[in-house]
Amino acid sequence: MLIGQAPGKVEAGGGKPFSGRAGRTLFRWLERAGLDEETAREKIYISAITRCFPGAHPSGRGDRVPTREEQSRCADWLERELRIIRPKLLIPVGRLAIERFLPKLPLDELIGTRHIVEHAGGSSSVIPLPHPSGASSWIHEPGNKGLVDRAIGLIALELRA
């Protein structure tokens, strides 16, 4: 199960999660873990912390982060999905999704790590990924590529298990 922040502008219009530029990066990562985009879309349930496009960020760079109230209004959807799907592997993408399952720590302490987490659907391995958006400066900082590579390797191991 892969969990993002919210639908982006492209996704809100097309109904297909991660179908914009960030999705192309995400699916390149998943392909390195052994799943081409078509197979990934067939085998991985994709969800989000919120269900609606939150609008553009006031700076004009990327999307606005959903408010706590918006997150709260959508929380029951995700809880129900977790109970129904009972995922073996959770891949939270981006800080908002990561913080739903893991402690609030710097991304460089979380990306490239594997955790076991209890949630509404039971217990899952959690392997976080940074947000693949061009608006995210984290993925372009020196040293972070190795952490993403490590996360992709961990995802590949989980998929083979």
N, C-alpha and C. Protein backbone atom coordinates (compact mmCIF):
# COMPACT_ATOMS: atom_id res chain seq x y z
N MET A 1 0.86 -1.17 0.00
CA MET A 1 0.00 0.00 0.00
C MET A 1 0.90 1.23 0.00
N LEU A 2 0.63 2.14 -0.90
CA LEU A 2 1.38 3.37 -1.02
C LEU A 2 0.46 4.52 -0.62
N ILE A 3 0.97 5.43 0.22
CA ILE A 3 0.14 6.52 0.73
C ILE A 3 0.83 7.85 0.46
N GLY A 4 0.14 8.71 -0.28
CA GLY A 4 0.65 10.05 -0.56
C GLY A 4 -0.01 11.08 0.33
N GLN A 5 0.24 12.35 0.02
CA GLN A 5 -0.31 13.47 0.79
C GLN A 5 -1.75 13.75 0.40
N ALA A 6 -1.96 14.01 -0.89
CA ALA A 6 -3.27 14.39 -1.42
C ALA A 6 -3.17 14.35 -2.93
N PRO A 7 -4.29 14.29 -3.61
CA PRO A 7 -4.21 14.38 -5.07
C PRO A 7 -3.63 15.73 -5.49
N GLY A 8 -2.81 15.73 -6.51
CA GLY A 8 -2.31 16.97 -7.09
C GLY A 8 -3.30 17.49 -8.12
N LYS A 9 -2.98 18.60 -8.72
CA LYS A 9 -3.88 19.21 -9.71
C LYS A 9 -4.13 18.26 -10.89
N VAL A 10 -3.07 17.64 -11.39
CA VAL A 10 -3.21 16.71 -12.52
C VAL A 10 -4.07 15.51 -12.11
N GLU A 11 -3.80 14.96 -10.92
CA GLU A 11 -4.52 13.78 -10.44
C GLU A 11 -5.99 14.10 -10.18
N ALA A 12 -6.26 15.28 -9.65
CA ALA A 12 -7.64 15.68 -9.36
C ALA A 12 -8.47 15.73 -10.64
N GLY A 13 -7.85 16.11 -11.73
CA GLY A 13 -8.56 16.17 -13.01
C GLY A 13 -8.68 14.83 -13.69
N GLY A 14 -7.72 13.93 -13.46
CA GLY A 14 -7.71 12.67 -14.17
C GLY A 14 -8.14 11.46 -13.37
N GLY A 15 -8.19 11.58 -12.05
CA GLY A 15 -8.64 10.48 -11.21
C GLY A 15 -7.64 9.36 -11.00
N LYS A 16 -6.43 9.48 -11.53
CA LYS A 16 -5.42 8.43 -11.41
C LYS A 16 -4.30 8.95 -10.51
N PRO A 17 -4.05 8.30 -9.35
CA PRO A 17 -3.03 8.79 -8.43
C PRO A 17 -1.63 8.81 -9.05
N PHE A 18 -0.87 9.81 -8.68
CA PHE A 18 0.51 9.95 -9.13
C PHE A 18 0.62 9.87 -10.65
N SER A 19 -0.20 10.65 -11.34
CA SER A 19 -0.16 10.65 -12.81
C SER A 19 0.58 11.85 -13.38
N GLY A 20 1.02 12.76 -12.52
CA GLY A 20 1.77 13.93 -12.97
C GLY A 20 3.27 13.68 -12.95
N ARG A 21 4.02 14.77 -12.94
CA ARG A 21 5.49 14.70 -12.95
C ARG A 21 6.03 13.94 -11.74
N ALA A 22 5.48 14.20 -10.56
CA ALA A 22 5.93 13.48 -9.36
C ALA A 22 5.71 11.97 -9.52
N GLY A 23 4.61 11.61 -10.15
CA GLY A 23 4.32 10.20 -10.39
C GLY A 23 5.34 9.54 -11.29
N ARG A 24 5.80 10.28 -12.30
CA ARG A 24 6.82 9.70 -13.19
C ARG A 24 8.09 9.36 -12.40
N THR A 25 8.48 10.27 -11.49
CA THR A 25 9.65 9.99 -10.65
C THR A 25 9.38 8.81 -9.73
N LEU A 26 8.22 8.81 -9.08
CA LEU A 26 7.87 7.72 -8.17
C LEU A 26 7.90 6.37 -8.88
N PHE A 27 7.32 6.29 -10.07
CA PHE A 27 7.28 5.01 -10.78
C PHE A 27 8.65 4.61 -11.32
N ARG A 28 9.54 5.58 -11.57
CA ARG A 28 10.93 5.22 -11.90
C ARG A 28 11.58 4.56 -10.69
N TRP A 29 11.31 5.10 -9.49
CA TRP A 29 11.85 4.48 -8.26
C TRP A 29 11.31 3.06 -8.10
N LEU A 30 10.00 2.90 -8.27
CA LEU A 30 9.39 1.57 -8.10
C LEU A 30 9.89 0.59 -9.16
N GLU A 31 10.18 1.10 -10.36
CA GLU A 31 10.72 0.22 -11.39
C GLU A 31 12.10 -0.30 -10.96
N ARG A 32 12.88 0.53 -10.32
CA ARG A 32 14.18 0.09 -9.80
C ARG A 32 14.00 -0.96 -8.70
N ALA A 33 12.85 -0.94 -8.04
CA ALA A 33 12.55 -1.95 -7.00
C ALA A 33 11.96 -3.22 -7.61
N GLY A 34 11.74 -3.21 -8.94
CA GLY A 34 11.26 -4.42 -9.60
C GLY A 34 9.85 -4.37 -10.14
N LEU A 35 9.18 -3.21 -10.06
CA LEU A 35 7.80 -3.11 -10.56
C LEU A 35 7.69 -2.00 -11.60
N ASP A 36 7.36 -2.37 -12.84
CA ASP A 36 7.09 -1.32 -13.81
C ASP A 36 5.77 -0.63 -13.43
N GLU A 37 5.49 0.51 -14.03
CA GLU A 37 4.32 1.29 -13.61
C GLU A 37 3.02 0.50 -13.72
N GLU A 38 2.83 -0.21 -14.81
CA GLU A 38 1.58 -0.96 -14.98
C GLU A 38 1.41 -2.01 -13.88
N THR A 39 2.46 -2.76 -13.60
CA THR A 39 2.40 -3.78 -12.55
C THR A 39 2.21 -3.13 -11.19
N ALA A 40 2.92 -2.03 -10.94
CA ALA A 40 2.77 -1.33 -9.66
C ALA A 40 1.33 -0.88 -9.46
N ARG A 41 0.73 -0.32 -10.49
CA ARG A 41 -0.67 0.15 -10.36
C ARG A 41 -1.63 -1.02 -10.16
N GLU A 42 -1.29 -2.19 -10.68
CA GLU A 42 -2.14 -3.37 -10.48
C GLU A 42 -1.98 -3.96 -9.08
N LYS A 43 -0.76 -3.97 -8.57
CA LYS A 43 -0.45 -4.71 -7.34
C LYS A 43 -0.43 -3.86 -6.07
N ILE A 44 -0.24 -2.54 -6.22
CA ILE A 44 -0.13 -1.67 -5.05
C ILE A 44 -1.38 -0.81 -4.94
N TYR A 45 -2.04 -0.90 -3.80
CA TYR A 45 -3.18 -0.03 -3.53
C TYR A 45 -2.62 1.35 -3.20
N ILE A 46 -3.10 2.38 -3.89
CA ILE A 46 -2.61 3.74 -3.68
C ILE A 46 -3.69 4.57 -3.01
N SER A 47 -3.31 5.20 -1.91
CA SER A 47 -4.24 6.02 -1.14
C SER A 47 -3.57 7.36 -0.83
N ALA A 48 -4.23 8.16 0.00
CA ALA A 48 -3.68 9.47 0.38
C ALA A 48 -4.21 9.87 1.75
N ILE A 49 -3.49 10.75 2.39
CA ILE A 49 -3.90 11.28 3.69
C ILE A 49 -5.21 12.06 3.54
N THR A 50 -5.31 12.86 2.48
CA THR A 50 -6.57 13.57 2.20
C THR A 50 -7.04 13.19 0.80
N ARG A 51 -8.31 13.42 0.54
CA ARG A 51 -8.94 12.95 -0.70
C ARG A 51 -9.13 14.01 -1.77
N CYS A 52 -8.93 15.27 -1.42
CA CYS A 52 -9.20 16.36 -2.34
C CYS A 52 -7.93 17.16 -2.61
N PHE A 53 -7.83 17.72 -3.80
CA PHE A 53 -6.72 18.60 -4.15
C PHE A 53 -6.78 19.82 -3.25
N PRO A 54 -5.73 20.08 -2.47
CA PRO A 54 -5.77 21.19 -1.51
C PRO A 54 -5.56 22.56 -2.14
N GLY A 55 -5.22 22.61 -3.41
CA GLY A 55 -4.94 23.89 -4.07
C GLY A 55 -3.44 24.14 -4.13
N ALA A 56 -3.09 25.16 -4.86
CA ALA A 56 -1.68 25.50 -5.03
C ALA A 56 -1.13 26.13 -3.75
N HIS A 57 0.16 25.94 -3.53
CA HIS A 57 0.84 26.59 -2.40
C HIS A 57 0.83 28.09 -2.67
N PRO A 58 0.64 28.91 -1.63
CA PRO A 58 0.61 30.37 -1.83
C PRO A 58 1.84 30.92 -2.56
N SER A 59 2.98 30.25 -2.42
CA SER A 59 4.20 30.70 -3.09
C SER A 59 4.14 30.43 -4.59
N GLY A 60 3.17 29.59 -5.01
CA GLY A 60 3.08 29.20 -6.41
C GLY A 60 3.97 28.01 -6.73
N ARG A 61 4.69 27.52 -5.75
CA ARG A 61 5.60 26.38 -5.94
C ARG A 61 4.98 25.13 -5.32
N GLY A 62 4.46 24.25 -6.13
CA GLY A 62 3.88 23.01 -5.62
C GLY A 62 2.47 23.21 -5.08
N ASP A 63 2.00 22.18 -4.38
CA ASP A 63 0.64 22.18 -3.82
C ASP A 63 0.68 22.59 -2.35
N ARG A 64 -0.42 23.15 -1.89
CA ARG A 64 -0.56 23.51 -0.48
C ARG A 64 -0.65 22.23 0.34
N VAL A 65 -0.02 22.22 1.51
CA VAL A 65 -0.13 21.08 2.42
C VAL A 65 -1.51 21.13 3.06
N PRO A 66 -2.25 20.02 3.05
CA PRO A 66 -3.58 20.02 3.68
C PRO A 66 -3.49 20.41 5.16
N THR A 67 -4.48 21.16 5.61
CA THR A 67 -4.52 21.58 7.01
C THR A 67 -4.81 20.39 7.92
N ARG A 68 -4.59 20.57 9.21
CA ARG A 68 -4.92 19.52 10.19
C ARG A 68 -6.41 19.19 10.10
N GLU A 69 -7.24 20.20 9.93
CA GLU A 69 -8.69 19.97 9.82
C GLU A 69 -9.01 19.12 8.59
N GLU A 70 -8.39 19.43 7.47
CA GLU A 70 -8.61 18.63 6.25
C GLU A 70 -8.13 17.20 6.45
N GLN A 71 -7.00 17.04 7.10
CA GLN A 71 -6.49 15.70 7.37
C GLN A 71 -7.45 14.93 8.28
N SER A 72 -7.94 15.60 9.29
CA SER A 72 -8.86 14.97 10.24
C SER A 72 -10.15 14.52 9.56
N ARG A 73 -10.67 15.37 8.66
CA ARG A 73 -11.91 15.02 7.95
C ARG A 73 -11.75 13.76 7.10
N CYS A 74 -10.55 13.48 6.64
CA CYS A 74 -10.32 12.33 5.76
C CYS A 74 -9.75 11.11 6.49
N ALA A 75 -9.43 11.25 7.77
CA ALA A 75 -8.74 10.18 8.50
C ALA A 75 -9.51 8.87 8.51
N ASP A 76 -10.83 8.92 8.64
CA ASP A 76 -11.61 7.68 8.68
C ASP A 76 -11.48 6.87 7.40
N TRP A 77 -11.34 7.54 6.26
CA TRP A 77 -11.18 6.82 4.99
C TRP A 77 -9.92 5.95 5.04
N LEU A 78 -8.82 6.55 5.45
CA LEU A 78 -7.56 5.81 5.50
C LEU A 78 -7.63 4.69 6.52
N GLU A 79 -8.22 4.94 7.68
CA GLU A 79 -8.35 3.89 8.70
C GLU A 79 -9.13 2.70 8.16
N ARG A 80 -10.22 2.98 7.45
CA ARG A 80 -11.02 1.89 6.87
C ARG A 80 -10.23 1.13 5.82
N GLU A 81 -9.50 1.86 4.99
CA GLU A 81 -8.68 1.18 3.97
C GLU A 81 -7.65 0.27 4.62
N LEU A 82 -7.01 0.74 5.67
CA LEU A 82 -6.02 -0.09 6.37
C LEU A 82 -6.66 -1.35 6.93
N ARG A 83 -7.86 -1.21 7.50
CA ARG A 83 -8.55 -2.39 8.06
C ARG A 83 -8.94 -3.38 6.97
N ILE A 84 -9.37 -2.88 5.84
CA ILE A 84 -9.81 -3.76 4.74
C ILE A 84 -8.62 -4.41 4.04
N ILE A 85 -7.61 -3.64 3.73
CA ILE A 85 -6.48 -4.13 2.93
C ILE A 85 -5.47 -4.91 3.76
N ARG A 86 -5.28 -4.52 5.00
CA ARG A 86 -4.32 -5.17 5.89
C ARG A 86 -2.97 -5.34 5.19
N PRO A 87 -2.36 -4.22 4.80
CA PRO A 87 -1.15 -4.29 3.98
C PRO A 87 0.05 -4.89 4.72
N LYS A 88 0.81 -5.66 4.01
CA LYS A 88 2.06 -6.21 4.53
C LYS A 88 3.13 -5.11 4.52
N LEU A 89 3.08 -4.27 3.48
CA LEU A 89 4.04 -3.19 3.31
C LEU A 89 3.31 -1.87 3.11
N LEU A 90 3.74 -0.85 3.86
CA LEU A 90 3.25 0.52 3.69
C LEU A 90 4.40 1.37 3.18
N ILE A 91 4.14 2.13 2.13
CA ILE A 91 5.14 3.05 1.60
C ILE A 91 4.55 4.46 1.69
N PRO A 92 4.81 5.17 2.79
CA PRO A 92 4.34 6.55 2.86
C PRO A 92 5.27 7.44 2.04
N VAL A 93 4.68 8.29 1.22
CA VAL A 93 5.45 9.14 0.31
C VAL A 93 5.29 10.60 0.73
N GLY A 94 6.37 11.20 1.15
CA GLY A 94 6.34 12.60 1.58
C GLY A 94 6.12 12.73 3.07
N ARG A 95 6.53 13.89 3.60
CA ARG A 95 6.53 14.12 5.04
C ARG A 95 5.16 13.91 5.68
N LEU A 96 4.11 14.43 5.08
CA LEU A 96 2.78 14.32 5.69
C LEU A 96 2.38 12.85 5.88
N ALA A 97 2.57 12.04 4.86
CA ALA A 97 2.23 10.62 4.95
C ALA A 97 3.18 9.89 5.91
N ILE A 98 4.45 10.25 5.86
CA ILE A 98 5.42 9.61 6.75
C ILE A 98 5.06 9.86 8.20
N GLU A 99 4.72 11.11 8.53
CA GLU A 99 4.41 11.46 9.93
C GLU A 99 3.12 10.82 10.42
N ARG A 100 2.30 10.30 9.53
CA ARG A 100 1.10 9.58 9.95
C ARG A 100 1.48 8.26 10.62
N PHE A 101 2.63 7.69 10.24
CA PHE A 101 3.03 6.38 10.73
C PHE A 101 4.30 6.37 11.58
N LEU A 102 5.18 7.34 11.38
CA LEU A 102 6.48 7.34 12.05
C LEU A 102 6.69 8.63 12.83
N PRO A 103 7.64 8.62 13.77
CA PRO A 103 7.89 9.82 14.57
C PRO A 103 8.35 10.99 13.69
N LYS A 104 8.12 12.18 14.20
CA LYS A 104 8.53 13.38 13.49
C LYS A 104 10.05 13.54 13.66
N LEU A 105 10.77 13.10 12.64
CA LEU A 105 12.24 13.17 12.61
C LEU A 105 12.65 13.76 11.27
N PRO A 106 13.89 14.25 11.16
CA PRO A 106 14.35 14.71 9.86
C PRO A 106 14.28 13.58 8.83
N LEU A 107 13.97 13.93 7.59
CA LEU A 107 13.85 12.91 6.54
C LEU A 107 15.11 12.06 6.42
N ASP A 108 16.28 12.68 6.61
CA ASP A 108 17.50 11.88 6.45
C ASP A 108 17.69 10.85 7.55
N GLU A 109 16.86 10.87 8.58
CA GLU A 109 16.87 9.82 9.60
C GLU A 109 15.78 8.77 9.33
N LEU A 110 14.90 9.03 8.38
CA LEU A 110 13.80 8.11 8.10
C LEU A 110 13.91 7.42 6.74
N ILE A 111 14.32 8.18 5.72
CA ILE A 111 14.43 7.60 4.38
C ILE A 111 15.58 6.59 4.38
N GLY A 112 15.32 5.42 3.81
CA GLY A 112 16.33 4.37 3.78
C GLY A 112 16.27 3.45 4.99
N THR A 113 15.18 3.57 5.77
CA THR A 113 15.00 2.72 6.95
C THR A 113 13.70 1.93 6.82
N ARG A 114 13.62 0.85 7.59
CA ARG A 114 12.42 0.01 7.62
C ARG A 114 11.94 -0.06 9.06
N HIS A 115 10.64 0.04 9.25
CA HIS A 115 10.03 0.01 10.58
C HIS A 115 8.86 -0.96 10.57
N ILE A 116 8.52 -1.50 11.72
CA ILE A 116 7.30 -2.28 11.88
C ILE A 116 6.34 -1.40 12.67
N VAL A 117 5.14 -1.21 12.14
CA VAL A 117 4.18 -0.30 12.76
C VAL A 117 2.83 -1.00 12.91
N GLU A 118 2.20 -0.79 14.05
CA GLU A 118 0.83 -1.27 14.29
C GLU A 118 -0.14 -0.17 13.85
N HIS A 119 -1.23 -0.57 13.20
CA HIS A 119 -2.24 0.39 12.75
C HIS A 119 -3.59 -0.31 12.74
N ALA A 120 -4.60 0.36 12.24
CA ALA A 120 -5.97 -0.18 12.25
C ALA A 120 -6.08 -1.55 11.58
N GLY A 121 -5.22 -1.82 10.59
CA GLY A 121 -5.30 -3.08 9.87
C GLY A 121 -4.35 -4.15 10.38
N GLY A 122 -3.63 -3.87 11.45
CA GLY A 122 -2.70 -4.85 11.99
C GLY A 122 -1.29 -4.30 12.03
N SER A 123 -0.36 -5.07 11.52
CA SER A 123 1.06 -4.72 11.57
C SER A 123 1.61 -4.70 10.15
N SER A 124 2.44 -3.71 9.86
CA SER A 124 3.04 -3.59 8.52
C SER A 124 4.48 -3.15 8.62
N SER A 125 5.27 -3.57 7.63
CA SER A 125 6.57 -2.95 7.42
C SER A 125 6.30 -1.58 6.81
N VAL A 126 7.04 -0.58 7.27
CA VAL A 126 6.90 0.77 6.73
C VAL A 126 8.26 1.21 6.20
N ILE A 127 8.29 1.53 4.91
CA ILE A 127 9.51 2.03 4.27
C ILE A 127 9.15 3.36 3.62
N PRO A 128 9.55 4.47 4.25
CA PRO A 128 9.17 5.77 3.71
C PRO A 128 10.01 6.20 2.51
N LEU A 129 9.38 6.99 1.66
CA LEU A 129 10.06 7.64 0.54
C LEU A 129 9.82 9.14 0.64
N PRO A 130 10.76 9.96 0.16
CA PRO A 130 10.51 11.39 0.13
C PRO A 130 9.48 11.69 -0.95
N HIS A 131 8.91 12.88 -0.92
CA HIS A 131 7.98 13.23 -1.99
C HIS A 131 8.77 13.43 -3.26
N PRO A 132 8.35 12.82 -4.37
CA PRO A 132 9.11 12.91 -5.61
C PRO A 132 8.86 14.19 -6.41
N SER A 133 8.14 15.13 -5.86
CA SER A 133 7.80 16.37 -6.55
C SER A 133 9.04 17.21 -6.85
N GLY A 134 8.99 17.92 -7.95
CA GLY A 134 10.05 18.88 -8.27
C GLY A 134 10.12 20.00 -7.25
N ALA A 135 9.03 20.21 -6.50
CA ALA A 135 9.01 21.26 -5.48
C ALA A 135 9.80 20.84 -4.23
N SER A 136 10.10 19.56 -4.12
CA SER A 136 10.85 19.06 -2.96
C SER A 136 12.34 19.25 -3.20
N SER A 137 12.97 20.08 -2.39
CA SER A 137 14.41 20.29 -2.54
C SER A 137 15.20 19.13 -1.93
N TRP A 138 14.59 18.37 -1.02
CA TRP A 138 15.29 17.31 -0.31
C TRP A 138 15.89 16.28 -1.25
N ILE A 139 15.15 15.88 -2.27
CA ILE A 139 15.66 14.82 -3.16
C ILE A 139 16.82 15.30 -4.04
N HIS A 140 17.05 16.62 -4.08
CA HIS A 140 18.14 17.15 -4.90
C HIS A 140 19.39 17.48 -4.08
N GLU A 141 19.32 17.31 -2.76
CA GLU A 141 20.47 17.62 -1.91
C GLU A 141 21.49 16.47 -1.98
N PRO A 142 22.79 16.83 -2.01
CA PRO A 142 23.83 15.79 -2.06
C PRO A 142 23.68 14.84 -0.86
N GLY A 143 23.89 13.59 -1.11
CA GLY A 143 23.82 12.59 -0.03
C GLY A 143 22.46 11.94 0.10
N ASN A 144 21.42 12.64 -0.28
CA ASN A 144 20.08 12.07 -0.11
C ASN A 144 19.75 11.02 -1.17
N LYS A 145 20.41 11.08 -2.31
CA LYS A 145 20.19 10.07 -3.35
C LYS A 145 20.50 8.68 -2.81
N GLY A 146 21.57 8.57 -2.02
CA GLY A 146 21.93 7.28 -1.43
C GLY A 146 20.87 6.76 -0.48
N LEU A 147 20.20 7.67 0.24
CA LEU A 147 19.12 7.26 1.14
C LEU A 147 17.92 6.75 0.35
N VAL A 148 17.61 7.44 -0.76
CA VAL A 148 16.52 6.98 -1.62
C VAL A 148 16.88 5.62 -2.22
N ASP A 149 18.12 5.47 -2.66
CA ASP A 149 18.56 4.18 -3.20
C ASP A 149 18.41 3.07 -2.16
N ARG A 150 18.77 3.36 -0.92
CA ARG A 150 18.64 2.36 0.15
C ARG A 150 17.16 2.01 0.36
N ALA A 151 16.29 3.02 0.36
CA ALA A 151 14.85 2.77 0.52
C ALA A 151 14.32 1.89 -0.61
N ILE A 152 14.75 2.18 -1.83
CA ILE A 152 14.31 1.38 -2.98
C ILE A 152 14.79 -0.06 -2.83
N GLY A 153 16.00 -0.25 -2.35
CA GLY A 153 16.51 -1.60 -2.10
C GLY A 153 15.69 -2.34 -1.05
N LEU A 154 15.30 -1.63 0.01
CA LEU A 154 14.46 -2.24 1.05
C LEU A 154 13.08 -2.61 0.51
N ILE A 155 12.53 -1.74 -0.33
CA ILE A 155 11.23 -2.04 -0.94
C ILE A 155 11.35 -3.28 -1.83
N ALA A 156 12.43 -3.36 -2.60
CA ALA A 156 12.65 -4.53 -3.47
C ALA A 156 12.71 -5.81 -2.64
N LEU A 157 13.40 -5.77 -1.51
CA LEU A 157 13.47 -6.95 -0.62
C LEU A 157 12.10 -7.34 -0.10
N GLU A 158 11.31 -6.36 0.32
CA GLU A 158 9.96 -6.63 0.83
C GLU A 158 9.07 -7.23 -0.26
N LEU A 159 9.20 -6.73 -1.47
CA LEU A 159 8.37 -7.22 -2.57
C LEU A 159 8.71 -8.66 -2.92
N ARG A 160 9.96 -9.05 -2.72
CA ARG A 160 10.38 -10.43 -3.01
C ARG A 160 10.05 -11.39 -1.88
N ALA A 161 9.82 -10.86 -0.69
CA ALA A 161 9.57 -11.73 0.49
C ALA A 161 8.22 -12.41 0.42
